[in-house]
Amino acid sequence: MSTNTTINALEVFRPYHIDNLKRLGNDYDGGYIVHYPSLLDAECLVNYGVGYNVAFEKDFWKETGKPTYAFDPTLSDLGAVFSKLFKGNFVPFMRHAKNYLVWMFKKTQLKKSGINFIAEGISDTDTEQYKTFDYHFKKYNLHNKKFIFKIDVEGAEYPVFGQESIYPLLGNAVQVLLEFHYADQKFNELLAIMNKMEETHTLIHLHANNHGDMFDVQGKKVPAAFEATFIHNSYLPVKTYSTASYPIEGLDQPCDRLQKDVPLDFFY
């Protein structure tokens, strides 16, 4: 893919340097990079798109003793499980069915790790199963809480962050952990979000999801899916670009353990 974007625009993806980064969650898929000292300032974790993996949320509880509001309307959906069988996808069906059964047991244990599971998702409009962030912001009194905002919603990030109304609500977000998908199809929308985020938060880490493809932006190879960590600007009053090699050895891990991690240098 090529775009009419200038090379200089890719600098918005270059992380800034900050010390004391730490990995929470799994060694492979399900692990994310956070800034540890500011993590301890958070009063809760607000997480959209939990999936069947709660390793990150458990680590957050271990490190902070603070609760998680875990939003995901898909985990108890039997229709999604059996749709794979009806399509003849037996192996994915068995994997999904196993995850479903394990989750039904695991869900009863979540509160031991401070995890409050809510069977709702995030959207740019309110429906029965999906709510705007403004709705949850008010319902859970986030206006007076410092929080970590984590979101992995398989492309729904674009309409959610395409709304101007969400950005004023991020003033109390100590960190934003945002996984982008379909960057090859949504590149201009992605650029707009990255530029808008700079008004309140600073990019401090970037990691490619090696499940995704790479695409071309004026001779640079850009991942179609990647994880980004932002920190509130108040924690980084003086900004210096990172000179690290990405992925960072000893910190990053490939999402797919059977494939090599993806080197990132398109922002240099």
C-alpha atoms as a PDB file:
ATOM      1  CA  MET A   1       0.000   0.000   0.000  1.00  0.00           C
ATOM      2  CA  SER A   2       1.132   3.523  -0.696  1.00  0.00           C
ATOM      3  CA  THR A   3      -0.318   6.751   0.658  1.00  0.00           C
ATOM      4  CA  ASN A   4      -0.079  10.433  -0.083  1.00  0.00           C
ATOM      5  CA  THR A   5       1.434  10.870   3.381  1.00  0.00           C
ATOM      6  CA  THR A   6       4.876  12.415   3.628  1.00  0.00           C
ATOM      7  CA  ILE A   7       7.700  10.492   5.281  1.00  0.00           C
ATOM      8  CA  ASN A   8       7.895  13.181   8.003  1.00  0.00           C
ATOM      9  CA  ALA A   9       4.380  12.263   9.109  1.00  0.00           C
ATOM     10  CA  LEU A  10       5.710   8.869  10.203  1.00  0.00           C
ATOM     11  CA  GLU A  11       7.668  10.558  12.990  1.00  0.00           C
ATOM     12  CA  VAL A  12       4.442  10.593  15.001  1.00  0.00           C
ATOM     13  CA  PHE A  13       5.065   6.861  15.546  1.00  0.00           C
ATOM     14  CA  ARG A  14       8.538   7.381  17.003  1.00  0.00           C
ATOM     15  CA  PRO A  15       8.476   6.757  20.763  1.00  0.00           C
ATOM     16  CA  TYR A  16      10.003   9.163  23.241  1.00  0.00           C
ATOM     17  CA  HIS A  17      12.527   8.004  25.808  1.00  0.00           C
ATOM     18  CA  ILE A  18      11.460   7.243  29.353  1.00  0.00           C
ATOM     19  CA  ASP A  19      13.066   5.031  31.984  1.00  0.00           C
ATOM     20  CA  ASN A  20      11.434   2.297  34.059  1.00  0.00           C
ATOM     21  CA  LEU A  21       9.403   0.478  31.440  1.00  0.00           C
ATOM     22  CA  LYS A  22       8.022  -2.877  32.558  1.00  0.00           C
ATOM     23  CA  ARG A  23       6.137  -5.729  30.938  1.00  0.00           C
ATOM     24  CA  LEU A  24       2.862  -6.892  32.491  1.00  0.00           C
ATOM     25  CA  GLY A  25       0.891  -9.940  31.367  1.00  0.00           C
ATOM     26  CA  ASN A  26       2.007 -12.911  29.309  1.00  0.00           C
ATOM     27  CA  ASP A  27       5.425 -13.373  27.767  1.00  0.00           C
ATOM     28  CA  TYR A  28       3.806 -13.509  24.331  1.00  0.00           C
ATOM     29  CA  ASP A  29       0.342 -12.390  23.219  1.00  0.00           C
ATOM     30  CA  GLY A  30      -1.416 -10.683  26.118  1.00  0.00           C
ATOM     31  CA  GLY A  31       1.612  -8.836  27.459  1.00  0.00           C
ATOM     32  CA  TYR A  32       1.927  -5.042  27.299  1.00  0.00           C
ATOM     33  CA  ILE A  33       4.596  -2.493  28.163  1.00  0.00           C
ATOM     34  CA  VAL A  34       3.841   0.083  30.842  1.00  0.00           C
ATOM     35  CA  HIS A  35       5.689   2.850  32.653  1.00  0.00           C
ATOM     36  CA  TYR A  36       5.975   1.398  36.127  1.00  0.00           C
ATOM     37  CA  PRO A  37       6.226   4.464  38.438  1.00  0.00           C
ATOM     38  CA  SER A  38       3.154   6.189  36.974  1.00  0.00           C
ATOM     39  CA  LEU A  39       1.272   2.881  36.948  1.00  0.00           C
ATOM     40  CA  LEU A  40       1.320   3.058  40.741  1.00  0.00           C
ATOM     41  CA  ASP A  41      -0.547   6.386  40.608  1.00  0.00           C
ATOM     42  CA  ALA A  42      -3.543   4.790  38.913  1.00  0.00           C
ATOM     43  CA  GLU A  43      -6.653   4.079  40.951  1.00  0.00           C
ATOM     44  CA  CYS A  44      -8.057   1.547  38.487  1.00  0.00           C
ATOM     45  CA  LEU A  45      -7.583  -0.125  35.115  1.00  0.00           C
ATOM     46  CA  VAL A  46     -10.276   0.386  32.471  1.00  0.00           C
ATOM     47  CA  ASN A  47      -9.927  -2.372  29.886  1.00  0.00           C
ATOM     48  CA  TYR A  48     -11.930  -2.907  26.710  1.00  0.00           C
ATOM     49  CA  GLY A  49     -11.570  -6.154  24.765  1.00  0.00           C
ATOM     50  CA  VAL A  50     -10.467  -8.490  27.533  1.00  0.00           C
ATOM     51  CA  GLY A  51     -10.587 -11.716  25.563  1.00  0.00           C
ATOM     52  CA  TYR A  52     -10.092 -14.963  27.467  1.00  0.00           C
ATOM     53  CA  ASN A  53      -6.681 -13.857  28.764  1.00  0.00           C
ATOM     54  CA  VAL A  54      -6.603 -11.881  32.022  1.00  0.00           C
ATOM     55  CA  ALA A  55      -2.866 -12.186  32.758  1.00  0.00           C
ATOM     56  CA  PHE A  56      -2.365  -8.428  32.355  1.00  0.00           C
ATOM     57  CA  GLU A  57      -5.225  -7.631  34.706  1.00  0.00           C
ATOM     58  CA  LYS A  58      -3.890 -10.062  37.315  1.00  0.00           C
ATOM     59  CA  ASP A  59      -0.434  -8.488  37.103  1.00  0.00           C
ATOM     60  CA  PHE A  60      -1.988  -5.047  37.459  1.00  0.00           C
ATOM     61  CA  TRP A  61      -3.679  -6.217  40.668  1.00  0.00           C
ATOM     62  CA  LYS A  62      -0.441  -7.740  41.989  1.00  0.00           C
ATOM     63  CA  GLU A  63       1.517  -4.560  41.349  1.00  0.00           C
ATOM     64  CA  THR A  64      -1.041  -1.976  42.469  1.00  0.00           C
ATOM     65  CA  GLY A  65      -3.773  -3.673  44.503  1.00  0.00           C
ATOM     66  CA  LYS A  66      -6.230  -1.594  42.448  1.00  0.00           C
ATOM     67  CA  PRO A  67      -9.342  -2.882  40.628  1.00  0.00           C
ATOM     68  CA  THR A  68      -9.996  -3.477  36.950  1.00  0.00           C
ATOM     69  CA  TYR A  69     -13.187  -2.667  35.069  1.00  0.00           C
ATOM     70  CA  ALA A  70     -13.022  -5.344  32.358  1.00  0.00           C
ATOM     71  CA  PHE A  71     -15.408  -4.794  29.442  1.00  0.00           C
ATOM     72  CA  ASP A  72     -16.152  -7.469  26.854  1.00  0.00           C
ATOM     73  CA  PRO A  73     -19.584  -8.580  25.572  1.00  0.00           C
ATOM     74  CA  THR A  74     -18.284 -11.488  23.460  1.00  0.00           C
ATOM     75  CA  LEU A  75     -16.901 -13.991  25.976  1.00  0.00           C
ATOM     76  CA  SER A  76     -20.188 -15.632  26.955  1.00  0.00           C
ATOM     77  CA  ASP A  77     -21.591 -15.623  23.413  1.00  0.00           C
ATOM     78  CA  LEU A  78     -22.298 -19.245  22.473  1.00  0.00           C
ATOM     79  CA  GLY A  79     -23.376 -18.136  19.011  1.00  0.00           C
ATOM     80  CA  ALA A  80     -19.815 -17.102  18.217  1.00  0.00           C
ATOM     81  CA  VAL A  81     -18.589 -20.517  19.359  1.00  0.00           C
ATOM     82  CA  PHE A  82     -21.001 -22.578  17.263  1.00  0.00           C
ATOM     83  CA  SER A  83     -20.718 -20.344  14.191  1.00  0.00           C
ATOM     84  CA  LYS A  84     -17.256 -21.827  13.652  1.00  0.00           C
ATOM     85  CA  LEU A  85     -18.681 -25.368  13.756  1.00  0.00           C
ATOM     86  CA  PHE A  86     -21.484 -24.491  11.341  1.00  0.00           C
ATOM     87  CA  LYS A  87     -18.883 -23.116   8.929  1.00  0.00           C
ATOM     88  CA  GLY A  88     -16.941 -26.371   9.106  1.00  0.00           C
ATOM     89  CA  ASN A  89     -14.050 -24.871  11.048  1.00  0.00           C
ATOM     90  CA  PHE A  90     -13.706 -27.753  13.492  1.00  0.00           C
ATOM     91  CA  VAL A  91     -10.283 -26.959  14.970  1.00  0.00           C
ATOM     92  CA  PRO A  92     -11.131 -23.261  15.640  1.00  0.00           C
ATOM     93  CA  PHE A  93     -14.457 -24.452  17.076  1.00  0.00           C
ATOM     94  CA  MET A  94     -12.728 -26.819  19.508  1.00  0.00           C
ATOM     95  CA  ARG A  95     -10.260 -24.098  20.543  1.00  0.00           C
ATOM     96  CA  HIS A  96     -13.027 -21.543  21.060  1.00  0.00           C
ATOM     97  CA  ALA A  97     -15.215 -24.068  22.920  1.00  0.00           C
ATOM     98  CA  LYS A  98     -12.334 -24.901  25.248  1.00  0.00           C
ATOM     99  CA  ASN A  99     -11.717 -21.198  25.925  1.00  0.00           C
ATOM    100  CA  TYR A 100     -15.421 -20.675  26.558  1.00  0.00           C
ATOM    101  CA  LEU A 101     -15.652 -23.503  29.106  1.00  0.00           C
ATOM    102  CA  VAL A 102     -12.475 -22.414  30.880  1.00  0.00           C
ATOM    103  CA  TRP A 103     -13.755 -18.833  30.946  1.00  0.00           C
ATOM    104  CA  MET A 104     -17.085 -19.797  32.538  1.00  0.00           C
ATOM    105  CA  PHE A 105     -15.134 -21.268  35.460  1.00  0.00           C
ATOM    106  CA  LYS A 106     -12.486 -18.536  35.498  1.00  0.00           C
ATOM    107  CA  LYS A 107     -15.085 -15.754  35.562  1.00  0.00           C
ATOM    108  CA  THR A 108     -16.150 -16.754  39.078  1.00  0.00           C
ATOM    109  CA  GLN A 109     -12.560 -16.288  40.266  1.00  0.00           C
ATOM    110  CA  LEU A 110     -11.951 -12.839  38.808  1.00  0.00           C
ATOM    111  CA  LYS A 111     -12.854 -10.806  41.862  1.00  0.00           C
ATOM    112  CA  LYS A 112      -9.969 -12.421  43.754  1.00  0.00           C
ATOM    113  CA  SER A 113      -7.731 -10.387  41.452  1.00  0.00           C
ATOM    114  CA  GLY A 114      -9.840  -7.243  41.697  1.00  0.00           C
ATOM    115  CA  ILE A 115     -11.349  -7.803  38.236  1.00  0.00           C
ATOM    116  CA  ASN A 116     -14.919  -6.581  37.779  1.00  0.00           C
ATOM    117  CA  PHE A 117     -16.196  -8.165  34.561  1.00  0.00           C
ATOM    118  CA  ILE A 118     -18.825  -6.219  32.623  1.00  0.00           C
ATOM    119  CA  ALA A 119     -20.477  -7.815  29.569  1.00  0.00           C
ATOM    120  CA  GLU A 120     -20.490  -4.591  27.568  1.00  0.00           C
ATOM    121  CA  GLY A 121     -18.199  -3.240  24.880  1.00  0.00           C
ATOM    122  CA  ILE A 122     -17.200   0.181  23.607  1.00  0.00           C
ATOM    123  CA  SER A 123     -18.596   1.948  20.560  1.00  0.00           C
ATOM    124  CA  ASP A 124     -19.208   5.419  19.181  1.00  0.00           C
ATOM    125  CA  THR A 125     -22.939   5.037  19.904  1.00  0.00           C
ATOM    126  CA  ASP A 126     -24.916   3.513  22.781  1.00  0.00           C
ATOM    127  CA  THR A 127     -26.683   0.200  22.148  1.00  0.00           C
ATOM    128  CA  GLU A 128     -27.763  -2.636  24.437  1.00  0.00           C
ATOM    129  CA  GLN A 129     -24.357  -4.367  24.420  1.00  0.00           C
ATOM    130  CA  TYR A 130     -22.043  -1.532  23.385  1.00  0.00           C
ATOM    131  CA  LYS A 131     -21.701   1.833  25.085  1.00  0.00           C
ATOM    132  CA  THR A 132     -19.768   5.017  24.473  1.00  0.00           C
ATOM    133  CA  PHE A 133     -16.825   5.760  26.720  1.00  0.00           C
ATOM    134  CA  ASP A 134     -18.735   8.787  27.955  1.00  0.00           C
ATOM    135  CA  TYR A 135     -21.465   6.430  29.245  1.00  0.00           C
ATOM    136  CA  HIS A 136     -18.983   4.279  31.214  1.00  0.00           C
ATOM    137  CA  PHE A 137     -16.995   7.343  32.281  1.00  0.00           C
ATOM    138  CA  LYS A 138     -20.069   8.684  34.050  1.00  0.00           C
ATOM    139  CA  LYS A 139     -21.413   5.348  35.307  1.00  0.00           C
ATOM    140  CA  TYR A 140     -18.138   4.376  37.007  1.00  0.00           C
ATOM    141  CA  ASN A 141     -17.260   7.881  38.231  1.00  0.00           C
ATOM    142  CA  LEU A 142     -14.007   8.077  36.307  1.00  0.00           C
ATOM    143  CA  HIS A 143     -14.076  11.872  36.402  1.00  0.00           C
ATOM    144  CA  ASN A 144     -12.430  11.771  39.835  1.00  0.00           C
ATOM    145  CA  LYS A 145     -10.162   8.746  39.321  1.00  0.00           C
ATOM    146  CA  LYS A 146      -6.722   8.388  37.783  1.00  0.00           C
ATOM    147  CA  PHE A 147      -6.900   5.350  35.527  1.00  0.00           C
ATOM    148  CA  ILE A 148      -5.005   3.199  33.032  1.00  0.00           C
ATOM    149  CA  PHE A 149      -6.961   2.989  29.772  1.00  0.00           C
ATOM    150  CA  LYS A 150      -6.345  -0.215  27.791  1.00  0.00           C
ATOM    151  CA  ILE A 151      -8.196  -0.985  24.592  1.00  0.00           C
ATOM    152  CA  ASP A 152      -7.906  -3.881  22.117  1.00  0.00           C
ATOM    153  CA  VAL A 153     -11.136  -4.010  20.139  1.00  0.00           C
ATOM    154  CA  GLU A 154     -10.224  -5.325  16.681  1.00  0.00           C
ATOM    155  CA  GLY A 155     -10.791  -2.190  14.619  1.00  0.00           C
ATOM    156  CA  ALA A 156     -13.502  -0.519  16.721  1.00  0.00           C
ATOM    157  CA  GLU A 157     -10.783   1.847  17.953  1.00  0.00           C
ATOM    158  CA  TYR A 158     -11.229   3.968  14.814  1.00  0.00           C
ATOM    159  CA  PRO A 159     -14.854   5.069  15.287  1.00  0.00           C
ATOM    160  CA  VAL A 160     -14.292   5.362  19.065  1.00  0.00           C
ATOM    161  CA  PHE A 161     -11.212   7.584  18.749  1.00  0.00           C
ATOM    162  CA  GLY A 162     -12.644   9.257  15.682  1.00  0.00           C
ATOM    163  CA  GLN A 163     -14.983  11.127  18.006  1.00  0.00           C
ATOM    164  CA  GLU A 164     -13.674  14.404  19.371  1.00  0.00           C
ATOM    165  CA  SER A 165     -15.709  13.835  22.532  1.00  0.00           C
ATOM    166  CA  ILE A 166     -13.457  11.061  23.850  1.00  0.00           C
ATOM    167  CA  TYR A 167     -10.280  13.146  24.163  1.00  0.00           C
ATOM    168  CA  PRO A 168     -11.413  15.464  26.973  1.00  0.00           C
ATOM    169  CA  LEU A 169     -12.242  12.307  28.967  1.00  0.00           C
ATOM    170  CA  LEU A 170      -8.614  11.163  28.856  1.00  0.00           C
ATOM    171  CA  GLY A 171      -7.357  13.907  31.139  1.00  0.00           C
ATOM    172  CA  ASN A 172      -7.239  11.450  34.059  1.00  0.00           C
ATOM    173  CA  ALA A 173      -5.740   8.638  31.991  1.00  0.00           C
ATOM    174  CA  VAL A 174      -2.253   8.132  33.412  1.00  0.00           C
ATOM    175  CA  GLN A 175      -1.434   5.798  30.538  1.00  0.00           C
ATOM    176  CA  VAL A 176      -3.248   4.685  27.393  1.00  0.00           C
ATOM    177  CA  LEU A 177      -2.442   1.225  26.018  1.00  0.00           C
ATOM    178  CA  LEU A 178      -3.953   1.108  22.565  1.00  0.00           C
ATOM    179  CA  GLU A 179      -3.734  -1.713  20.040  1.00  0.00           C
ATOM    180  CA  PHE A 180      -4.303  -0.618  16.450  1.00  0.00           C
ATOM    181  CA  HIS A 181      -5.560  -3.002  13.766  1.00  0.00           C
ATOM    182  CA  TYR A 182      -6.020  -2.715   9.981  1.00  0.00           C
ATOM    183  CA  ALA A 183      -3.531   0.140   9.750  1.00  0.00           C
ATOM    184  CA  ASP A 184      -3.100  -0.671   6.066  1.00  0.00           C
ATOM    185  CA  GLN A 185      -6.799   0.068   5.497  1.00  0.00           C
ATOM    186  CA  LYS A 186      -7.225   2.882   8.034  1.00  0.00           C
ATOM    187  CA  PHE A 187      -3.920   4.710   7.762  1.00  0.00           C
ATOM    188  CA  ASN A 188      -5.247   8.240   7.458  1.00  0.00           C
ATOM    189  CA  GLU A 189      -7.609   7.675  10.400  1.00  0.00           C
ATOM    190  CA  LEU A 190      -4.683   6.220  12.351  1.00  0.00           C
ATOM    191  CA  LEU A 191      -2.546   9.288  11.658  1.00  0.00           C
ATOM    192  CA  ALA A 192      -5.344  11.555  12.851  1.00  0.00           C
ATOM    193  CA  ILE A 193      -5.635   9.614  16.128  1.00  0.00           C
ATOM    194  CA  MET A 194      -1.874   9.632  16.716  1.00  0.00           C
ATOM    195  CA  ASN A 195      -1.713  13.385  16.170  1.00  0.00           C
ATOM    196  CA  LYS A 196      -4.735  14.025  18.372  1.00  0.00           C
ATOM    197  CA  MET A 197      -3.295  11.900  21.187  1.00  0.00           C
ATOM    198  CA  GLU A 198      -0.192  14.115  21.251  1.00  0.00           C
ATOM    199  CA  GLU A 199      -2.261  16.946  22.724  1.00  0.00           C
ATOM    200  CA  THR A 200      -2.544  15.132  26.068  1.00  0.00           C
ATOM    201  CA  HIS A 201      -0.280  12.061  25.902  1.00  0.00           C
ATOM    202  CA  THR A 202       3.164  11.061  24.678  1.00  0.00           C
ATOM    203  CA  LEU A 203       4.041   7.847  22.857  1.00  0.00           C
ATOM    204  CA  ILE A 204       6.643   5.940  24.903  1.00  0.00           C
ATOM    205  CA  HIS A 205       6.565   2.472  23.359  1.00  0.00           C
ATOM    206  CA  LEU A 206       5.628   0.753  20.106  1.00  0.00           C
ATOM    207  CA  HIS A 207       5.529  -2.947  19.264  1.00  0.00           C
ATOM    208  CA  ALA A 208       4.354  -4.704  16.120  1.00  0.00           C
ATOM    209  CA  ASN A 209       1.858  -7.538  16.349  1.00  0.00           C
ATOM    210  CA  ASN A 210       3.528 -10.214  14.228  1.00  0.00           C
ATOM    211  CA  HIS A 211       0.173 -11.836  13.475  1.00  0.00           C
ATOM    212  CA  GLY A 212      -0.381  -8.970  11.020  1.00  0.00           C
ATOM    213  CA  ASP A 213       1.150  -8.119   7.657  1.00  0.00           C
ATOM    214  CA  MET A 214       3.439  -5.260   6.705  1.00  0.00           C
ATOM    215  CA  PHE A 215       2.509  -2.603   4.167  1.00  0.00           C
ATOM    216  CA  ASP A 216       4.364   0.119   2.323  1.00  0.00           C
ATOM    217  CA  VAL A 217       4.237   3.836   3.037  1.00  0.00           C
ATOM    218  CA  GLN A 218       6.550   5.593   0.583  1.00  0.00           C
ATOM    219  CA  GLY A 219       9.244   2.939   0.810  1.00  0.00           C
ATOM    220  CA  LYS A 220       8.861   2.309   4.551  1.00  0.00           C
ATOM    221  CA  LYS A 221       7.522  -0.983   5.910  1.00  0.00           C
ATOM    222  CA  VAL A 222       4.769  -0.355   8.468  1.00  0.00           C
ATOM    223  CA  PRO A 223       2.968  -3.044  10.503  1.00  0.00           C
ATOM    224  CA  ALA A 224      -0.751  -3.463   9.927  1.00  0.00           C
ATOM    225  CA  ALA A 225      -1.260  -4.118  13.647  1.00  0.00           C
ATOM    226  CA  PHE A 226       0.706  -2.801  16.588  1.00  0.00           C
ATOM    227  CA  GLU A 227       0.548  -1.980  20.294  1.00  0.00           C
ATOM    228  CA  ALA A 228       1.203   1.573  21.473  1.00  0.00           C
ATOM    229  CA  THR A 229       1.773   2.856  25.003  1.00  0.00           C
ATOM    230  CA  PHE A 230       1.117   6.530  25.766  1.00  0.00           C
ATOM    231  CA  ILE A 231       1.797   8.383  29.015  1.00  0.00           C
ATOM    232  CA  HIS A 232       0.125  11.580  30.193  1.00  0.00           C
ATOM    233  CA  ASN A 233       2.208  14.595  29.209  1.00  0.00           C
ATOM    234  CA  SER A 234       2.528  15.705  32.838  1.00  0.00           C
ATOM    235  CA  TYR A 235       4.900  12.769  33.453  1.00  0.00           C
ATOM    236  CA  LEU A 236       7.240  13.793  30.638  1.00  0.00           C
ATOM    237  CA  PRO A 237       7.663  17.594  30.651  1.00  0.00           C
ATOM    238  CA  VAL A 238      10.913  17.353  28.665  1.00  0.00           C
ATOM    239  CA  LYS A 239      10.771  15.103  25.620  1.00  0.00           C
ATOM    240  CA  THR A 240      13.667  13.336  23.941  1.00  0.00           C
ATOM    241  CA  TYR A 241      13.212  10.812  21.168  1.00  0.00           C
ATOM    242  CA  SER A 242      14.102   7.229  22.006  1.00  0.00           C
ATOM    243  CA  THR A 243      17.144   5.794  20.224  1.00  0.00           C
ATOM    244  CA  ALA A 244      16.289   2.204  21.167  1.00  0.00           C
ATOM    245  CA  SER A 245      16.092  -0.637  18.682  1.00  0.00           C
ATOM    246  CA  TYR A 246      12.558  -2.005  18.450  1.00  0.00           C
ATOM    247  CA  PRO A 247      11.608  -4.580  19.578  1.00  0.00           C
ATOM    248  CA  ILE A 248      13.508  -3.948  22.809  1.00  0.00           C
ATOM    249  CA  GLU A 249      15.447  -6.989  23.932  1.00  0.00           C
ATOM    250  CA  GLY A 250      14.415  -8.230  27.365  1.00  0.00           C
ATOM    251  CA  LEU A 251      11.159  -6.289  27.240  1.00  0.00           C
ATOM    252  CA  ASP A 252       9.259  -7.114  24.070  1.00  0.00           C
ATOM    253  CA  GLN A 253       8.083 -10.567  23.029  1.00  0.00           C
ATOM    254  CA  PRO A 254       6.509 -11.723  19.742  1.00  0.00           C
ATOM    255  CA  CYS A 255       2.724 -12.003  19.900  1.00  0.00           C
ATOM    256  CA  ASP A 256       2.977 -15.237  17.913  1.00  0.00           C
ATOM    257  CA  ARG A 257       5.702 -17.211  19.659  1.00  0.00           C
ATOM    258  CA  LEU A 258       6.225 -19.367  16.558  1.00  0.00           C
ATOM    259  CA  GLN A 259       7.292 -16.377  14.440  1.00  0.00           C
ATOM    260  CA  LYS A 260      10.078 -13.866  14.821  1.00  0.00           C
ATOM    261  CA  ASP A 261       9.305 -10.474  16.252  1.00  0.00           C
ATOM    262  CA  VAL A 262       9.070  -7.606  13.759  1.00  0.00           C
ATOM    263  CA  PRO A 263      11.829  -4.958  13.737  1.00  0.00           C
ATOM    264  CA  LEU A 264      10.515  -1.390  13.590  1.00  0.00           C
ATOM    265  CA  ASP A 265      12.440   1.485  12.054  1.00  0.00           C
ATOM    266  CA  PHE A 266       9.855   3.123   9.768  1.00  0.00           C
ATOM    267  CA  PHE A 267       9.668   6.189  12.024  1.00  0.00           C
ATOM    268  CA  TYR A 268      13.388   7.016  11.794  1.00  0.00           C
END
